[in-house]
Protein backbone atom coordinates (compact mmCIF):
# COMPACT_ATOMS: atom_id res chain seq x y z
CA UNK A 1 0.00 0.00 0.00
CA UNK A 2 2.72 2.44 0.97
CA UNK A 3 4.59 1.70 -2.27
CA UNK A 4 1.49 2.42 -4.34
CA UNK A 5 0.94 5.76 -2.65
CA UNK A 6 4.58 6.74 -3.11
CA UNK A 7 4.48 5.66 -6.76
CA UNK A 8 1.31 7.72 -7.32
CA UNK A 9 2.86 10.81 -5.71
CA UNK A 10 6.07 10.52 -7.72
CA UNK A 11 4.14 9.94 -10.94
CA UNK A 12 1.87 12.94 -10.32
CA UNK A 13 4.86 15.16 -9.59
CA UNK A 14 6.65 13.99 -12.74
CA UNK A 15 3.58 14.61 -14.90
CA UNK A 16 3.12 18.09 -13.42
CA UNK A 17 6.79 18.91 -14.04
CA UNK A 18 6.77 17.68 -17.64
CA UNK A 19 3.46 19.34 -18.51
CA UNK A 20 4.27 22.78 -17.06
CA UNK A 21 5.83 25.07 -19.67
CA UNK A 22 8.81 27.03 -18.38
CA UNK A 23 7.96 30.10 -20.43
CA UNK A 24 5.72 30.66 -23.41
CA UNK A 25 7.12 32.76 -26.23
CA UNK A 26 4.29 35.30 -25.84
CA UNK A 27 5.02 35.66 -22.13
CA UNK A 28 8.73 36.18 -22.71
CA UNK A 29 8.09 38.79 -25.38
CA UNK A 30 5.63 40.59 -23.10
CA UNK A 31 8.10 40.51 -20.20
CA UNK A 32 10.83 41.87 -22.49
CA UNK A 33 8.52 44.61 -23.76
CA UNK A 34 7.54 45.68 -20.23
CA UNK A 35 11.02 45.61 -18.73
CA UNK A 36 13.68 45.95 -21.41
CA UNK A 37 12.54 47.88 -24.48
CA UNK A 38 12.79 51.30 -22.84
CA UNK A 39 16.58 50.94 -22.95
CA UNK A 40 17.35 48.12 -25.39
CA UNK A 41 14.55 48.74 -27.89
CA UNK A 42 12.28 46.07 -29.34
CA UNK A 43 14.94 45.39 -31.98
CA UNK A 44 17.78 45.04 -29.39
CA UNK A 45 19.76 47.85 -31.04
CA UNK A 46 19.68 50.19 -28.02
CA UNK A 47 18.68 53.17 -30.17
CA UNK A 48 16.08 54.50 -27.73
CA UNK A 49 16.48 57.83 -25.92
CA UNK A 50 17.59 56.03 -22.77
CA UNK A 51 19.72 53.58 -24.75
CA UNK A 52 21.58 56.36 -26.49
CA UNK A 53 22.03 58.29 -23.24
CA UNK A 54 23.46 55.22 -21.48
CA UNK A 55 25.42 54.12 -24.57
CA UNK A 56 23.78 50.70 -24.61
CA UNK A 57 25.46 48.41 -27.13
CA UNK A 58 23.64 47.03 -30.16
CA UNK A 59 22.81 43.48 -29.06
CA UNK A 60 22.41 42.46 -32.70
CA UNK A 61 25.99 43.42 -33.66
CA UNK A 62 28.20 40.43 -34.43
CA UNK A 63 31.05 41.64 -32.21
CA UNK A 64 28.69 42.06 -29.24
CA UNK A 65 26.93 38.74 -29.87
CA UNK A 66 30.30 36.96 -30.01
CA UNK A 67 30.82 37.95 -26.36
CA UNK A 68 27.44 36.66 -25.13
CA UNK A 69 27.81 34.45 -22.07
CA UNK A 70 24.48 33.11 -20.82
CA UNK A 71 25.45 32.76 -17.16
CA UNK A 72 27.00 36.25 -17.07
CA UNK A 73 23.91 37.67 -18.76
CA UNK A 74 21.62 36.00 -16.23
CA UNK A 75 23.73 37.46 -13.42
CA UNK A 76 23.58 40.93 -15.02
CA UNK A 77 19.79 40.85 -15.35
CA UNK A 78 19.38 39.46 -11.84
CA UNK A 79 21.86 41.72 -10.01
CA UNK A 80 22.05 44.68 -12.36
CA UNK A 81 25.19 46.21 -13.84
CA UNK A 82 27.28 48.89 -12.15
CA UNK A 83 30.46 50.65 -13.18
CA UNK A 84 33.25 48.99 -11.20
CA UNK A 85 35.08 52.28 -10.63
CA UNK A 86 32.26 54.70 -9.88
CA UNK A 87 29.49 52.37 -8.73
CA UNK A 88 27.14 54.13 -11.16
CA UNK A 89 24.24 51.94 -12.19
CA UNK A 90 24.21 51.04 -15.88
CA UNK A 91 21.32 48.58 -15.65
CA UNK A 92 18.97 48.06 -12.76
CA UNK A 93 18.56 44.65 -11.13
CA UNK A 94 15.47 42.59 -11.92
CA UNK A 95 16.06 39.76 -9.44
CA UNK A 96 13.44 41.06 -7.01
CA UNK A 97 10.88 41.64 -9.77
CA UNK A 98 11.29 38.58 -12.00
CA UNK A 99 11.70 34.91 -11.20
CA UNK A 100 14.82 32.97 -12.11
CA UNK A 101 12.87 31.20 -14.86
CA UNK A 102 11.65 34.52 -16.29
CA UNK A 103 15.18 35.94 -16.27
CA UNK A 104 16.60 32.84 -17.96
CA UNK A 105 13.85 33.02 -20.58
CA UNK A 106 14.61 36.72 -21.20
CA UNK A 107 18.30 35.98 -21.67
CA UNK A 108 17.48 33.15 -24.08
CA UNK A 109 15.15 35.53 -25.94
CA UNK A 110 17.97 38.06 -26.34
CA UNK A 111 20.46 35.35 -27.36
CA UNK A 112 17.98 34.14 -30.00
CA UNK A 113 17.81 37.65 -31.45
CA UNK A 114 14.38 38.38 -29.90
CA UNK A 115 12.67 35.79 -32.04
C-alpha atoms as a PDB file:
ATOM      1  CA  UNK A   1       0.000   0.000   0.000  1.00  0.00           C
ATOM      2  CA  UNK A   2       2.723   2.435   0.973  1.00  0.00           C
ATOM      3  CA  UNK A   3       4.591   1.697  -2.274  1.00  0.00           C
ATOM      4  CA  UNK A   4       1.485   2.424  -4.340  1.00  0.00           C
ATOM      5  CA  UNK A   5       0.944   5.762  -2.645  1.00  0.00           C
ATOM      6  CA  UNK A   6       4.579   6.742  -3.106  1.00  0.00           C
ATOM      7  CA  UNK A   7       4.477   5.662  -6.763  1.00  0.00           C
ATOM      8  CA  UNK A   8       1.311   7.722  -7.322  1.00  0.00           C
ATOM      9  CA  UNK A   9       2.857  10.812  -5.710  1.00  0.00           C
ATOM     10  CA  UNK A  10       6.069  10.523  -7.718  1.00  0.00           C
ATOM     11  CA  UNK A  11       4.139   9.935 -10.937  1.00  0.00           C
ATOM     12  CA  UNK A  12       1.869  12.937 -10.316  1.00  0.00           C
ATOM     13  CA  UNK A  13       4.864  15.160  -9.590  1.00  0.00           C
ATOM     14  CA  UNK A  14       6.653  13.989 -12.744  1.00  0.00           C
ATOM     15  CA  UNK A  15       3.580  14.608 -14.903  1.00  0.00           C
ATOM     16  CA  UNK A  16       3.120  18.089 -13.420  1.00  0.00           C
ATOM     17  CA  UNK A  17       6.786  18.913 -14.045  1.00  0.00           C
ATOM     18  CA  UNK A  18       6.767  17.679 -17.641  1.00  0.00           C
ATOM     19  CA  UNK A  19       3.461  19.340 -18.510  1.00  0.00           C
ATOM     20  CA  UNK A  20       4.270  22.775 -17.059  1.00  0.00           C
ATOM     21  CA  UNK A  21       5.833  25.066 -19.670  1.00  0.00           C
ATOM     22  CA  UNK A  22       8.806  27.026 -18.380  1.00  0.00           C
ATOM     23  CA  UNK A  23       7.957  30.095 -20.431  1.00  0.00           C
ATOM     24  CA  UNK A  24       5.716  30.658 -23.411  1.00  0.00           C
ATOM     25  CA  UNK A  25       7.117  32.761 -26.226  1.00  0.00           C
ATOM     26  CA  UNK A  26       4.291  35.299 -25.843  1.00  0.00           C
ATOM     27  CA  UNK A  27       5.019  35.663 -22.128  1.00  0.00           C
ATOM     28  CA  UNK A  28       8.732  36.184 -22.712  1.00  0.00           C
ATOM     29  CA  UNK A  29       8.094  38.794 -25.382  1.00  0.00           C
ATOM     30  CA  UNK A  30       5.630  40.594 -23.097  1.00  0.00           C
ATOM     31  CA  UNK A  31       8.103  40.511 -20.201  1.00  0.00           C
ATOM     32  CA  UNK A  32      10.830  41.875 -22.487  1.00  0.00           C
ATOM     33  CA  UNK A  33       8.523  44.609 -23.761  1.00  0.00           C
ATOM     34  CA  UNK A  34       7.538  45.675 -20.233  1.00  0.00           C
ATOM     35  CA  UNK A  35      11.019  45.607 -18.732  1.00  0.00           C
ATOM     36  CA  UNK A  36      13.676  45.949 -21.412  1.00  0.00           C
ATOM     37  CA  UNK A  37      12.542  47.882 -24.483  1.00  0.00           C
ATOM     38  CA  UNK A  38      12.793  51.303 -22.840  1.00  0.00           C
ATOM     39  CA  UNK A  39      16.577  50.945 -22.951  1.00  0.00           C
ATOM     40  CA  UNK A  40      17.354  48.121 -25.390  1.00  0.00           C
ATOM     41  CA  UNK A  41      14.548  48.738 -27.886  1.00  0.00           C
ATOM     42  CA  UNK A  42      12.276  46.071 -29.339  1.00  0.00           C
ATOM     43  CA  UNK A  43      14.938  45.389 -31.983  1.00  0.00           C
ATOM     44  CA  UNK A  44      17.780  45.040 -29.388  1.00  0.00           C
ATOM     45  CA  UNK A  45      19.758  47.850 -31.039  1.00  0.00           C
ATOM     46  CA  UNK A  46      19.676  50.194 -28.018  1.00  0.00           C
ATOM     47  CA  UNK A  47      18.677  53.165 -30.168  1.00  0.00           C
ATOM     48  CA  UNK A  48      16.083  54.497 -27.735  1.00  0.00           C
ATOM     49  CA  UNK A  49      16.484  57.826 -25.920  1.00  0.00           C
ATOM     50  CA  UNK A  50      17.592  56.028 -22.772  1.00  0.00           C
ATOM     51  CA  UNK A  51      19.721  53.576 -24.750  1.00  0.00           C
ATOM     52  CA  UNK A  52      21.576  56.362 -26.492  1.00  0.00           C
ATOM     53  CA  UNK A  53      22.034  58.291 -23.240  1.00  0.00           C
ATOM     54  CA  UNK A  54      23.465  55.220 -21.484  1.00  0.00           C
ATOM     55  CA  UNK A  55      25.417  54.116 -24.569  1.00  0.00           C
ATOM     56  CA  UNK A  56      23.779  50.700 -24.609  1.00  0.00           C
ATOM     57  CA  UNK A  57      25.457  48.409 -27.130  1.00  0.00           C
ATOM     58  CA  UNK A  58      23.642  47.033 -30.156  1.00  0.00           C
ATOM     59  CA  UNK A  59      22.807  43.484 -29.065  1.00  0.00           C
ATOM     60  CA  UNK A  60      22.410  42.463 -32.704  1.00  0.00           C
ATOM     61  CA  UNK A  61      25.987  43.419 -33.665  1.00  0.00           C
ATOM     62  CA  UNK A  62      28.196  40.434 -34.426  1.00  0.00           C
ATOM     63  CA  UNK A  63      31.055  41.636 -32.210  1.00  0.00           C
ATOM     64  CA  UNK A  64      28.690  42.057 -29.243  1.00  0.00           C
ATOM     65  CA  UNK A  65      26.929  38.737 -29.874  1.00  0.00           C
ATOM     66  CA  UNK A  66      30.298  36.964 -30.013  1.00  0.00           C
ATOM     67  CA  UNK A  67      30.824  37.951 -26.365  1.00  0.00           C
ATOM     68  CA  UNK A  68      27.439  36.657 -25.128  1.00  0.00           C
ATOM     69  CA  UNK A  69      27.812  34.453 -22.068  1.00  0.00           C
ATOM     70  CA  UNK A  70      24.479  33.115 -20.820  1.00  0.00           C
ATOM     71  CA  UNK A  71      25.451  32.761 -17.161  1.00  0.00           C
ATOM     72  CA  UNK A  72      27.003  36.252 -17.073  1.00  0.00           C
ATOM     73  CA  UNK A  73      23.907  37.671 -18.763  1.00  0.00           C
ATOM     74  CA  UNK A  74      21.619  36.004 -16.225  1.00  0.00           C
ATOM     75  CA  UNK A  75      23.734  37.462 -13.425  1.00  0.00           C
ATOM     76  CA  UNK A  76      23.577  40.926 -15.020  1.00  0.00           C
ATOM     77  CA  UNK A  77      19.792  40.851 -15.346  1.00  0.00           C
ATOM     78  CA  UNK A  78      19.384  39.457 -11.837  1.00  0.00           C
ATOM     79  CA  UNK A  79      21.858  41.723 -10.015  1.00  0.00           C
ATOM     80  CA  UNK A  80      22.047  44.685 -12.363  1.00  0.00           C
ATOM     81  CA  UNK A  81      25.193  46.213 -13.845  1.00  0.00           C
ATOM     82  CA  UNK A  82      27.280  48.889 -12.151  1.00  0.00           C
ATOM     83  CA  UNK A  83      30.461  50.647 -13.179  1.00  0.00           C
ATOM     84  CA  UNK A  84      33.249  48.990 -11.201  1.00  0.00           C
ATOM     85  CA  UNK A  85      35.078  52.279 -10.631  1.00  0.00           C
ATOM     86  CA  UNK A  86      32.261  54.698  -9.879  1.00  0.00           C
ATOM     87  CA  UNK A  87      29.487  52.365  -8.727  1.00  0.00           C
ATOM     88  CA  UNK A  88      27.135  54.133 -11.158  1.00  0.00           C
ATOM     89  CA  UNK A  89      24.236  51.937 -12.189  1.00  0.00           C
ATOM     90  CA  UNK A  90      24.208  51.036 -15.878  1.00  0.00           C
ATOM     91  CA  UNK A  91      21.321  48.579 -15.651  1.00  0.00           C
ATOM     92  CA  UNK A  92      18.973  48.055 -12.757  1.00  0.00           C
ATOM     93  CA  UNK A  93      18.559  44.654 -11.127  1.00  0.00           C
ATOM     94  CA  UNK A  94      15.471  42.594 -11.922  1.00  0.00           C
ATOM     95  CA  UNK A  95      16.061  39.757  -9.441  1.00  0.00           C
ATOM     96  CA  UNK A  96      13.444  41.064  -7.013  1.00  0.00           C
ATOM     97  CA  UNK A  97      10.885  41.641  -9.770  1.00  0.00           C
ATOM     98  CA  UNK A  98      11.295  38.578 -11.999  1.00  0.00           C
ATOM     99  CA  UNK A  99      11.700  34.905 -11.198  1.00  0.00           C
ATOM    100  CA  UNK A 100      14.823  32.972 -12.113  1.00  0.00           C
ATOM    101  CA  UNK A 101      12.873  31.203 -14.860  1.00  0.00           C
ATOM    102  CA  UNK A 102      11.651  34.524 -16.289  1.00  0.00           C
ATOM    103  CA  UNK A 103      15.179  35.945 -16.272  1.00  0.00           C
ATOM    104  CA  UNK A 104      16.603  32.842 -17.956  1.00  0.00           C
ATOM    105  CA  UNK A 105      13.848  33.023 -20.581  1.00  0.00           C
ATOM    106  CA  UNK A 106      14.611  36.723 -21.203  1.00  0.00           C
ATOM    107  CA  UNK A 107      18.298  35.977 -21.666  1.00  0.00           C
ATOM    108  CA  UNK A 108      17.483  33.153 -24.081  1.00  0.00           C
ATOM    109  CA  UNK A 109      15.155  35.528 -25.936  1.00  0.00           C
ATOM    110  CA  UNK A 110      17.974  38.055 -26.344  1.00  0.00           C
ATOM    111  CA  UNK A 111      20.460  35.351 -27.362  1.00  0.00           C
ATOM    112  CA  UNK A 112      17.979  34.145 -29.996  1.00  0.00           C
ATOM    113  CA  UNK A 113      17.815  37.645 -31.445  1.00  0.00           C
ATOM    114  CA  UNK A 114      14.383  38.383 -29.904  1.00  0.00           C
ATOM    115  CA  UNK A 115      12.670  35.788 -32.040  1.00  0.00           C
END
